[in-house]
Amino acid sequence: MAAIEFLTRTGQKCTPLRQENILLSDVLGVSALVDSLNNPVAGGATENSVLGPFFTEDAADVDFGESIASEGKGEYMYVEGRVLTTDGQPIPNAVIDTWETDADGFYDTQYANRSHPDCRGRLRTDDDGRFGYRAVVPVSYPIPGDGPVGELLLLLGRHNMRPNHLHVVVEAPGFHKLVTAFYPEGCDFIKSDCVFGVKKSLVVSLKDIVDEEEARKRGFPRGGSFKLLQYDIVLLTEDQSATMRAGIEEERYTITQDHKKY
């Protein structure tokens, strides 16, 4: 009965902007496990990471080089790269949804007075598969601890901190949807992420760019310095993804049959 009551309270904590059920799945490692099983990669394709509970459908469209964050939300960061096939060919017009925390460690949905999406945006790659946008440096933060999931972590003696990261979802016709995140190196929690989202291939370096002219050129209102995140995203085609999943299912079936013999 206690377990049923816990799950009931978890559901009751959910709102249109907060998903306590997803959070529960995340901290138990279920989200990370299911994501990895359902999204195997090869050929240099970008690995997945957990979606998390803070994705929304209302992100504003952002033009190439524009900002997903309003002024004053944190330290300047510019994100750029290309979306490519496993053969290195550019994927034009791919849709990229991206979101992050502000400098205080909060997503826009955590503010009671939220009037519009902030620190999130939706953009498309150009004809050469390139993307670029202004953002802020995300910071580490505690996942919501005022609900049943927070109680569970306390009982387990675990912390509720996530390393700083930038969420990215990429979609393009004919390609398998990628849900991932980039984790800047050096964070104290990068090896103990409470939702098990970090993967070595997704750890990125942020370059320090101290150049007033370059900062102004990239559209940062105050100029000065900024961090630069560069990463090329590689997508599997739907056929490649289906072939890989079929191979894994066949391997699981073989293992199961072998176990039955004993």
C-alpha atoms as a PDB file:
ATOM      1  CA  MET A   1       0.000   0.000   0.000  1.00  0.00           C
ATOM      2  CA  ALA A   2       2.864   2.378   0.800  1.00  0.00           C
ATOM      3  CA  ALA A   3       4.205   1.985  -2.731  1.00  0.00           C
ATOM      4  CA  ILE A   4       0.792   2.714  -4.253  1.00  0.00           C
ATOM      5  CA  GLU A   5       0.440   5.821  -2.076  1.00  0.00           C
ATOM      6  CA  PHE A   6       3.915   6.968  -3.144  1.00  0.00           C
ATOM      7  CA  LEU A   7       3.061   6.595  -6.835  1.00  0.00           C
ATOM      8  CA  THR A   8      -0.268   8.355  -6.279  1.00  0.00           C
ATOM      9  CA  ARG A   9       1.466  11.320  -4.669  1.00  0.00           C
ATOM     10  CA  THR A  10       3.988  11.352  -7.516  1.00  0.00           C
ATOM     11  CA  GLY A  11       1.180  11.665 -10.043  1.00  0.00           C
ATOM     12  CA  GLN A  12      -0.566  14.337  -7.994  1.00  0.00           C
ATOM     13  CA  LYS A  13       2.612  16.451  -8.028  1.00  0.00           C
ATOM     14  CA  CYS A  14       2.525  16.687 -11.829  1.00  0.00           C
ATOM     15  CA  THR A  15       1.386  19.858 -13.582  1.00  0.00           C
ATOM     16  CA  PRO A  16       1.382  20.903 -17.271  1.00  0.00           C
ATOM     17  CA  LEU A  17       4.903  22.271 -16.688  1.00  0.00           C
ATOM     18  CA  ARG A  18       6.268  19.702 -14.216  1.00  0.00           C
ATOM     19  CA  GLN A  19       6.432  15.943 -14.661  1.00  0.00           C
ATOM     20  CA  GLU A  20       7.206  14.235 -11.372  1.00  0.00           C
ATOM     21  CA  ASN A  21       6.679  10.821 -13.006  1.00  0.00           C
ATOM     22  CA  ILE A  22       9.485  11.496 -15.490  1.00  0.00           C
ATOM     23  CA  LEU A  23      11.649  12.710 -12.623  1.00  0.00           C
ATOM     24  CA  LEU A  24      11.053   9.443 -10.770  1.00  0.00           C
ATOM     25  CA  SER A  25      11.991   7.436 -13.836  1.00  0.00           C
ATOM     26  CA  ASP A  26      15.116   9.573 -14.225  1.00  0.00           C
ATOM     27  CA  VAL A  27      16.498   9.169 -10.694  1.00  0.00           C
ATOM     28  CA  LEU A  28      15.916   5.404 -10.771  1.00  0.00           C
ATOM     29  CA  GLY A  29      17.988   5.172 -13.946  1.00  0.00           C
ATOM     30  CA  VAL A  30      15.034   3.782 -15.891  1.00  0.00           C
ATOM     31  CA  SER A  31      14.951   6.682 -18.355  1.00  0.00           C
ATOM     32  CA  ALA A  32      18.649   6.386 -19.143  1.00  0.00           C
ATOM     33  CA  LEU A  33      18.432   2.602 -19.521  1.00  0.00           C
ATOM     34  CA  VAL A  34      15.359   2.618 -21.771  1.00  0.00           C
ATOM     35  CA  ASP A  35      16.797   5.447 -23.887  1.00  0.00           C
ATOM     36  CA  SER A  36      20.043   3.568 -24.432  1.00  0.00           C
ATOM     37  CA  LEU A  37      18.281   0.304 -25.284  1.00  0.00           C
ATOM     38  CA  ASN A  38      15.948   1.981 -27.762  1.00  0.00           C
ATOM     39  CA  ASN A  39      18.547   4.270 -29.322  1.00  0.00           C
ATOM     40  CA  PRO A  40      21.708   2.261 -30.039  1.00  0.00           C
ATOM     41  CA  VAL A  41      24.347   4.114 -32.028  1.00  0.00           C
ATOM     42  CA  ALA A  42      27.261   3.251 -34.293  1.00  0.00           C
ATOM     43  CA  GLY A  43      29.270   4.815 -37.053  1.00  0.00           C
ATOM     44  CA  GLY A  44      30.152   7.835 -34.980  1.00  0.00           C
ATOM     45  CA  ALA A  45      26.531   8.829 -34.400  1.00  0.00           C
ATOM     46  CA  THR A  46      25.881  11.107 -31.440  1.00  0.00           C
ATOM     47  CA  GLU A  47      24.762   9.296 -28.304  1.00  0.00           C
ATOM     48  CA  ASN A  48      21.490  10.056 -26.588  1.00  0.00           C
ATOM     49  CA  SER A  49      20.867  11.419 -23.106  1.00  0.00           C
ATOM     50  CA  VAL A  50      17.760  11.802 -20.953  1.00  0.00           C
ATOM     51  CA  LEU A  51      15.042  14.239 -22.001  1.00  0.00           C
ATOM     52  CA  GLY A  52      14.346  15.392 -18.461  1.00  0.00           C
ATOM     53  CA  PRO A  53      11.100  16.943 -17.167  1.00  0.00           C
ATOM     54  CA  PHE A  54      11.619  20.515 -18.401  1.00  0.00           C
ATOM     55  CA  PHE A  55      11.004  20.215 -22.139  1.00  0.00           C
ATOM     56  CA  THR A  56       8.111  22.344 -23.405  1.00  0.00           C
ATOM     57  CA  GLU A  57       6.390  22.718 -26.766  1.00  0.00           C
ATOM     58  CA  ASP A  58       6.303  26.521 -26.715  1.00  0.00           C
ATOM     59  CA  ALA A  59       9.929  27.337 -27.558  1.00  0.00           C
ATOM     60  CA  ALA A  60      10.241  30.373 -29.822  1.00  0.00           C
ATOM     61  CA  ASP A  61      11.772  30.082 -33.288  1.00  0.00           C
ATOM     62  CA  VAL A  62      15.304  31.473 -33.355  1.00  0.00           C
ATOM     63  CA  ASP A  63      17.180  32.585 -36.454  1.00  0.00           C
ATOM     64  CA  PHE A  64      20.792  31.594 -37.121  1.00  0.00           C
ATOM     65  CA  GLY A  65      23.067  33.431 -34.673  1.00  0.00           C
ATOM     66  CA  GLU A  66      20.250  34.760 -32.495  1.00  0.00           C
ATOM     67  CA  SER A  67      19.828  34.165 -28.763  1.00  0.00           C
ATOM     68  CA  ILE A  68      17.698  31.659 -26.884  1.00  0.00           C
ATOM     69  CA  ALA A  69      18.200  33.597 -23.627  1.00  0.00           C
ATOM     70  CA  SER A  70      17.148  37.093 -22.682  1.00  0.00           C
ATOM     71  CA  GLU A  71      19.832  39.532 -21.588  1.00  0.00           C
ATOM     72  CA  GLY A  72      21.127  39.112 -18.053  1.00  0.00           C
ATOM     73  CA  LYS A  73      20.366  35.401 -17.756  1.00  0.00           C
ATOM     74  CA  GLY A  74      23.995  34.347 -17.364  1.00  0.00           C
ATOM     75  CA  GLU A  75      27.503  34.279 -18.773  1.00  0.00           C
ATOM     76  CA  TYR A  76      27.569  34.543 -22.550  1.00  0.00           C
ATOM     77  CA  MET A  77      28.005  31.341 -24.552  1.00  0.00           C
ATOM     78  CA  TYR A  78      27.899  30.713 -28.285  1.00  0.00           C
ATOM     79  CA  VAL A  79      26.959  27.258 -29.570  1.00  0.00           C
ATOM     80  CA  GLU A  80      27.858  26.176 -33.072  1.00  0.00           C
ATOM     81  CA  GLY A  81      28.376  23.081 -35.178  1.00  0.00           C
ATOM     82  CA  ARG A  82      26.871  21.030 -37.966  1.00  0.00           C
ATOM     83  CA  VAL A  83      24.290  18.272 -38.218  1.00  0.00           C
ATOM     84  CA  LEU A  84      25.710  15.456 -40.332  1.00  0.00           C
ATOM     85  CA  THR A  85      25.038  11.940 -41.588  1.00  0.00           C
ATOM     86  CA  THR A  86      27.332   9.099 -40.544  1.00  0.00           C
ATOM     87  CA  ASP A  87      29.028   9.600 -43.925  1.00  0.00           C
ATOM     88  CA  GLY A  88      29.786  13.211 -43.052  1.00  0.00           C
ATOM     89  CA  GLN A  89      27.190  14.738 -45.365  1.00  0.00           C
ATOM     90  CA  PRO A  90      25.349  17.842 -44.116  1.00  0.00           C
ATOM     91  CA  ILE A  91      21.691  17.602 -43.162  1.00  0.00           C
ATOM     92  CA  PRO A  92      19.941  20.853 -44.124  1.00  0.00           C
ATOM     93  CA  ASN A  93      16.775  22.153 -42.475  1.00  0.00           C
ATOM     94  CA  ALA A  94      17.094  19.883 -39.443  1.00  0.00           C
ATOM     95  CA  VAL A  95      15.019  21.168 -36.519  1.00  0.00           C
ATOM     96  CA  ILE A  96      16.901  21.714 -33.268  1.00  0.00           C
ATOM     97  CA  ASP A  97      15.098  22.245 -29.962  1.00  0.00           C
ATOM     98  CA  THR A  98      17.428  23.418 -27.208  1.00  0.00           C
ATOM     99  CA  TRP A  99      16.938  24.516 -23.595  1.00  0.00           C
ATOM    100  CA  GLU A 100      18.980  25.129 -20.462  1.00  0.00           C
ATOM    101  CA  THR A 101      19.058  26.688 -16.997  1.00  0.00           C
ATOM    102  CA  ASP A 102      19.868  30.303 -16.294  1.00  0.00           C
ATOM    103  CA  ALA A 103      22.769  31.398 -14.088  1.00  0.00           C
ATOM    104  CA  ASP A 104      20.679  30.749 -10.966  1.00  0.00           C
ATOM    105  CA  GLY A 105      20.150  27.105 -11.890  1.00  0.00           C
ATOM    106  CA  PHE A 106      16.481  27.407 -12.804  1.00  0.00           C
ATOM    107  CA  TYR A 107      14.569  26.546 -15.959  1.00  0.00           C
ATOM    108  CA  ASP A 108      12.025  29.102 -17.080  1.00  0.00           C
ATOM    109  CA  THR A 109       9.178  26.749 -16.152  1.00  0.00           C
ATOM    110  CA  GLN A 110      10.265  26.886 -12.502  1.00  0.00           C
ATOM    111  CA  TYR A 111       9.412  30.564 -12.193  1.00  0.00           C
ATOM    112  CA  ALA A 112       5.898  31.242 -10.950  1.00  0.00           C
ATOM    113  CA  ASN A 113       5.717  34.458 -12.989  1.00  0.00           C
ATOM    114  CA  ARG A 114       6.785  32.839 -16.273  1.00  0.00           C
ATOM    115  CA  SER A 115       5.203  34.855 -19.088  1.00  0.00           C
ATOM    116  CA  HIS A 116       7.143  33.503 -22.078  1.00  0.00           C
ATOM    117  CA  PRO A 117       9.743  30.849 -22.896  1.00  0.00           C
ATOM    118  CA  ASP A 118      13.311  31.798 -21.992  1.00  0.00           C
ATOM    119  CA  CYS A 119      16.654  30.010 -22.170  1.00  0.00           C
ATOM    120  CA  ARG A 120      15.077  27.772 -24.795  1.00  0.00           C
ATOM    121  CA  GLY A 121      14.527  28.016 -28.528  1.00  0.00           C
ATOM    122  CA  ARG A 122      13.951  26.202 -31.789  1.00  0.00           C
ATOM    123  CA  LEU A 123      16.137  26.673 -34.871  1.00  0.00           C
ATOM    124  CA  ARG A 124      16.993  25.022 -38.172  1.00  0.00           C
ATOM    125  CA  THR A 125      20.248  24.116 -39.842  1.00  0.00           C
ATOM    126  CA  ASP A 126      21.234  25.944 -43.030  1.00  0.00           C
ATOM    127  CA  ASP A 127      21.962  24.378 -46.427  1.00  0.00           C
ATOM    128  CA  ASP A 128      25.376  23.239 -45.183  1.00  0.00           C
ATOM    129  CA  GLY A 129      23.941  21.644 -42.051  1.00  0.00           C
ATOM    130  CA  ARG A 130      25.353  24.427 -39.878  1.00  0.00           C
ATOM    131  CA  PHE A 131      23.715  25.841 -36.768  1.00  0.00           C
ATOM    132  CA  GLY A 132      24.705  28.614 -34.418  1.00  0.00           C
ATOM    133  CA  TYR A 133      23.028  30.465 -31.584  1.00  0.00           C
ATOM    134  CA  ARG A 134      23.711  32.581 -28.538  1.00  0.00           C
ATOM    135  CA  ALA A 135      22.975  31.138 -25.105  1.00  0.00           C
ATOM    136  CA  VAL A 136      24.298  31.339 -21.566  1.00  0.00           C
ATOM    137  CA  VAL A 137      26.604  28.975 -19.713  1.00  0.00           C
ATOM    138  CA  PRO A 138      24.325  26.523 -17.885  1.00  0.00           C
ATOM    139  CA  VAL A 139      25.042  25.764 -14.237  1.00  0.00           C
ATOM    140  CA  SER A 140      24.611  22.684 -12.060  1.00  0.00           C
ATOM    141  CA  TYR A 141      21.386  22.561 -10.097  1.00  0.00           C
ATOM    142  CA  PRO A 142      19.295  20.418  -7.767  1.00  0.00           C
ATOM    143  CA  ILE A 143      16.330  18.638  -9.280  1.00  0.00           C
ATOM    144  CA  PRO A 144      13.055  19.521  -7.494  1.00  0.00           C
ATOM    145  CA  GLY A 145      13.221  18.121  -3.992  1.00  0.00           C
ATOM    146  CA  ASP A 146       9.838  19.276  -2.703  1.00  0.00           C
ATOM    147  CA  GLY A 147       7.977  16.171  -3.843  1.00  0.00           C
ATOM    148  CA  PRO A 148       7.985  12.385  -3.522  1.00  0.00           C
ATOM    149  CA  VAL A 149      11.127  12.030  -5.674  1.00  0.00           C
ATOM    150  CA  GLY A 150      13.066  14.300  -3.334  1.00  0.00           C
ATOM    151  CA  GLU A 151      11.907  12.216  -0.378  1.00  0.00           C
ATOM    152  CA  LEU A 152      13.083   9.056  -2.119  1.00  0.00           C
ATOM    153  CA  LEU A 153      16.570  10.441  -2.742  1.00  0.00           C
ATOM    154  CA  LEU A 154      16.894  11.417   0.923  1.00  0.00           C
ATOM    155  CA  LEU A 155      15.908   7.913   2.000  1.00  0.00           C
ATOM    156  CA  LEU A 156      18.513   6.468  -0.372  1.00  0.00           C
ATOM    157  CA  GLY A 157      21.231   8.820   0.879  1.00  0.00           C
ATOM    158  CA  ARG A 158      21.751  10.282  -2.595  1.00  0.00           C
ATOM    159  CA  HIS A 159      22.244  13.890  -3.614  1.00  0.00           C
ATOM    160  CA  ASN A 160      19.831  15.544  -6.021  1.00  0.00           C
ATOM    161  CA  MET A 161      22.328  17.493  -8.130  1.00  0.00           C
ATOM    162  CA  ARG A 162      22.661  17.503 -11.897  1.00  0.00           C
ATOM    163  CA  PRO A 163      25.856  18.644 -13.638  1.00  0.00           C
ATOM    164  CA  ASN A 164      25.506  21.681 -15.872  1.00  0.00           C
ATOM    165  CA  HIS A 165      24.280  20.774 -19.346  1.00  0.00           C
ATOM    166  CA  LEU A 166      22.617  22.004 -22.510  1.00  0.00           C
ATOM    167  CA  HIS A 167      19.653  19.997 -23.811  1.00  0.00           C
ATOM    168  CA  VAL A 168      19.351  19.363 -27.546  1.00  0.00           C
ATOM    169  CA  VAL A 169      16.732  17.494 -29.569  1.00  0.00           C
ATOM    170  CA  VAL A 170      17.327  17.106 -33.318  1.00  0.00           C
ATOM    171  CA  GLU A 171      14.823  15.945 -35.934  1.00  0.00           C
ATOM    172  CA  ALA A 172      15.030  15.675 -39.721  1.00  0.00           C
ATOM    173  CA  PRO A 173      12.941  13.739 -42.262  1.00  0.00           C
ATOM    174  CA  GLY A 174      14.355  10.249 -42.833  1.00  0.00           C
ATOM    175  CA  PHE A 175      16.542  10.370 -39.729  1.00  0.00           C
ATOM    176  CA  HIS A 176      16.123   8.906 -36.271  1.00  0.00           C
ATOM    177  CA  LYS A 177      15.182  11.546 -33.698  1.00  0.00           C
ATOM    178  CA  LEU A 178      18.038  12.397 -31.344  1.00  0.00           C
ATOM    179  CA  VAL A 179      17.442  13.417 -27.739  1.00  0.00           C
ATOM    180  CA  THR A 180      20.716  14.367 -26.106  1.00  0.00           C
ATOM    181  CA  ALA A 181      22.609  16.918 -24.001  1.00  0.00           C
ATOM    182  CA  PHE A 182      26.092  18.379 -23.822  1.00  0.00           C
ATOM    183  CA  TYR A 183      27.954  18.409 -20.502  1.00  0.00           C
ATOM    184  CA  PRO A 184      30.766  20.975 -20.065  1.00  0.00           C
ATOM    185  CA  GLU A 185      33.812  19.351 -18.500  1.00  0.00           C
ATOM    186  CA  GLY A 186      34.973  20.274 -15.020  1.00  0.00           C
ATOM    187  CA  CYS A 187      31.662  20.163 -13.152  1.00  0.00           C
ATOM    188  CA  ASP A 188      31.815  18.655  -9.639  1.00  0.00           C
ATOM    189  CA  PHE A 189      28.782  16.456 -10.355  1.00  0.00           C
ATOM    190  CA  ILE A 190      29.722  15.166 -13.794  1.00  0.00           C
ATOM    191  CA  LYS A 191      30.604  11.720 -12.383  1.00  0.00           C
ATOM    192  CA  SER A 192      27.587  11.458 -10.073  1.00  0.00           C
ATOM    193  CA  ASP A 193      24.669  12.807 -12.096  1.00  0.00           C
ATOM    194  CA  CYS A 194      21.542  12.004 -10.083  1.00  0.00           C
ATOM    195  CA  VAL A 195      19.678  10.966 -13.260  1.00  0.00           C
ATOM    196  CA  PHE A 196      22.558   9.049 -14.910  1.00  0.00           C
ATOM    197  CA  GLY A 197      22.496  11.191 -18.071  1.00  0.00           C
ATOM    198  CA  VAL A 198      26.205  11.825 -18.623  1.00  0.00           C
ATOM    199  CA  LYS A 199      28.107   9.870 -21.265  1.00  0.00           C
ATOM    200  CA  LYS A 200      31.783  10.359 -22.015  1.00  0.00           C
ATOM    201  CA  SER A 201      31.166  11.253 -25.662  1.00  0.00           C
ATOM    202  CA  LEU A 202      28.809  14.059 -24.598  1.00  0.00           C
ATOM    203  CA  VAL A 203      31.320  15.817 -22.349  1.00  0.00           C
ATOM    204  CA  VAL A 204      32.445  18.998 -24.096  1.00  0.00           C
ATOM    205  CA  SER A 205      35.003  21.719 -23.568  1.00  0.00           C
ATOM    206  CA  LEU A 206      34.097  25.394 -23.509  1.00  0.00           C
ATOM    207  CA  LYS A 207      36.660  27.672 -25.101  1.00  0.00           C
ATOM    208  CA  ASP A 208      37.317  31.071 -23.543  1.00  0.00           C
ATOM    209  CA  ILE A 209      37.024  33.768 -26.204  1.00  0.00           C
ATOM    210  CA  VAL A 210      38.323  37.097 -24.903  1.00  0.00           C
ATOM    211  CA  ASP A 211      37.815  39.329 -27.909  1.00  0.00           C
ATOM    212  CA  GLU A 212      35.606  42.399 -27.814  1.00  0.00           C
ATOM    213  CA  GLU A 213      35.257  42.602 -31.577  1.00  0.00           C
ATOM    214  CA  GLU A 214      34.373  38.913 -31.940  1.00  0.00           C
ATOM    215  CA  ALA A 215      31.833  39.123 -29.114  1.00  0.00           C
ATOM    216  CA  ARG A 216      30.124  42.090 -30.777  1.00  0.00           C
ATOM    217  CA  LYS A 217      30.264  40.355 -34.135  1.00  0.00           C
ATOM    218  CA  ARG A 218      28.412  37.370 -32.708  1.00  0.00           C
ATOM    219  CA  GLY A 219      25.717  39.645 -31.309  1.00  0.00           C
ATOM    220  CA  PHE A 220      26.468  39.787 -27.579  1.00  0.00           C
ATOM    221  CA  PRO A 221      25.136  43.183 -26.433  1.00  0.00           C
ATOM    222  CA  ARG A 222      27.747  43.796 -23.730  1.00  0.00           C
ATOM    223  CA  GLY A 223      30.677  42.570 -25.810  1.00  0.00           C
ATOM    224  CA  GLY A 224      33.628  41.428 -23.742  1.00  0.00           C
ATOM    225  CA  SER A 225      34.258  37.703 -23.516  1.00  0.00           C
ATOM    226  CA  PHE A 226      32.193  34.575 -24.045  1.00  0.00           C
ATOM    227  CA  LYS A 227      32.426  30.799 -23.962  1.00  0.00           C
ATOM    228  CA  LEU A 228      32.388  28.859 -27.227  1.00  0.00           C
ATOM    229  CA  LEU A 229      30.850  25.384 -27.484  1.00  0.00           C
ATOM    230  CA  GLN A 230      31.566  23.611 -30.766  1.00  0.00           C
ATOM    231  CA  TYR A 231      30.067  20.204 -31.519  1.00  0.00           C
ATOM    232  CA  ASP A 232      29.047  18.365 -34.668  1.00  0.00           C
ATOM    233  CA  ILE A 233      25.910  16.272 -34.262  1.00  0.00           C
ATOM    234  CA  VAL A 234      25.722  13.020 -36.240  1.00  0.00           C
ATOM    235  CA  LEU A 235      22.356  11.381 -36.933  1.00  0.00           C
ATOM    236  CA  LEU A 236      21.466   7.845 -37.921  1.00  0.00           C
ATOM    237  CA  THR A 237      18.950   7.354 -40.704  1.00  0.00           C
ATOM    238  CA  GLU A 238      15.715   5.633 -39.742  1.00  0.00           C
ATOM    239  CA  ASP A 239      16.890   2.553 -41.666  1.00  0.00           C
ATOM    240  CA  GLN A 240      20.241   2.488 -39.861  1.00  0.00           C
ATOM    241  CA  SER A 241      18.523   2.823 -36.493  1.00  0.00           C
ATOM    242  CA  ALA A 242      15.977   0.106 -37.298  1.00  0.00           C
ATOM    243  CA  THR A 243      18.722  -2.268 -38.436  1.00  0.00           C
ATOM    244  CA  MET A 244      20.655  -1.737 -35.223  1.00  0.00           C
ATOM    245  CA  ARG A 245      17.607  -2.260 -33.022  1.00  0.00           C
ATOM    246  CA  ALA A 246      16.727  -5.425 -34.921  1.00  0.00           C
ATOM    247  CA  GLY A 247      20.239  -6.746 -34.373  1.00  0.00           C
ATOM    248  CA  ILE A 248      20.006  -6.084 -30.647  1.00  0.00           C
ATOM    249  CA  GLU A 249      16.613  -7.791 -30.435  1.00  0.00           C
ATOM    250  CA  GLU A 250      18.022 -10.827 -32.225  1.00  0.00           C
ATOM    251  CA  GLU A 251      20.938 -10.931 -29.806  1.00  0.00           C
ATOM    252  CA  ARG A 252      18.573 -10.717 -26.821  1.00  0.00           C
ATOM    253  CA  TYR A 253      16.480 -13.551 -28.226  1.00  0.00           C
ATOM    254  CA  THR A 254      19.555 -15.740 -28.677  1.00  0.00           C
ATOM    255  CA  ILE A 255      20.708 -15.068 -25.105  1.00  0.00           C
ATOM    256  CA  THR A 256      17.227 -15.851 -23.760  1.00  0.00           C
ATOM    257  CA  GLN A 257      17.085 -19.138 -25.647  1.00  0.00           C
ATOM    258  CA  ASP A 258      20.545 -20.108 -24.395  1.00  0.00           C
ATOM    259  CA  HIS A 259      19.470 -19.432 -20.805  1.00  0.00           C
ATOM    260  CA  LYS A 260      16.401 -21.628 -21.229  1.00  0.00           C
ATOM    261  CA  LYS A 261      18.647 -24.572 -22.040  1.00  0.00           C
ATOM    262  CA  TYR A 262      19.955 -24.440 -18.497  1.00  0.00           C
END
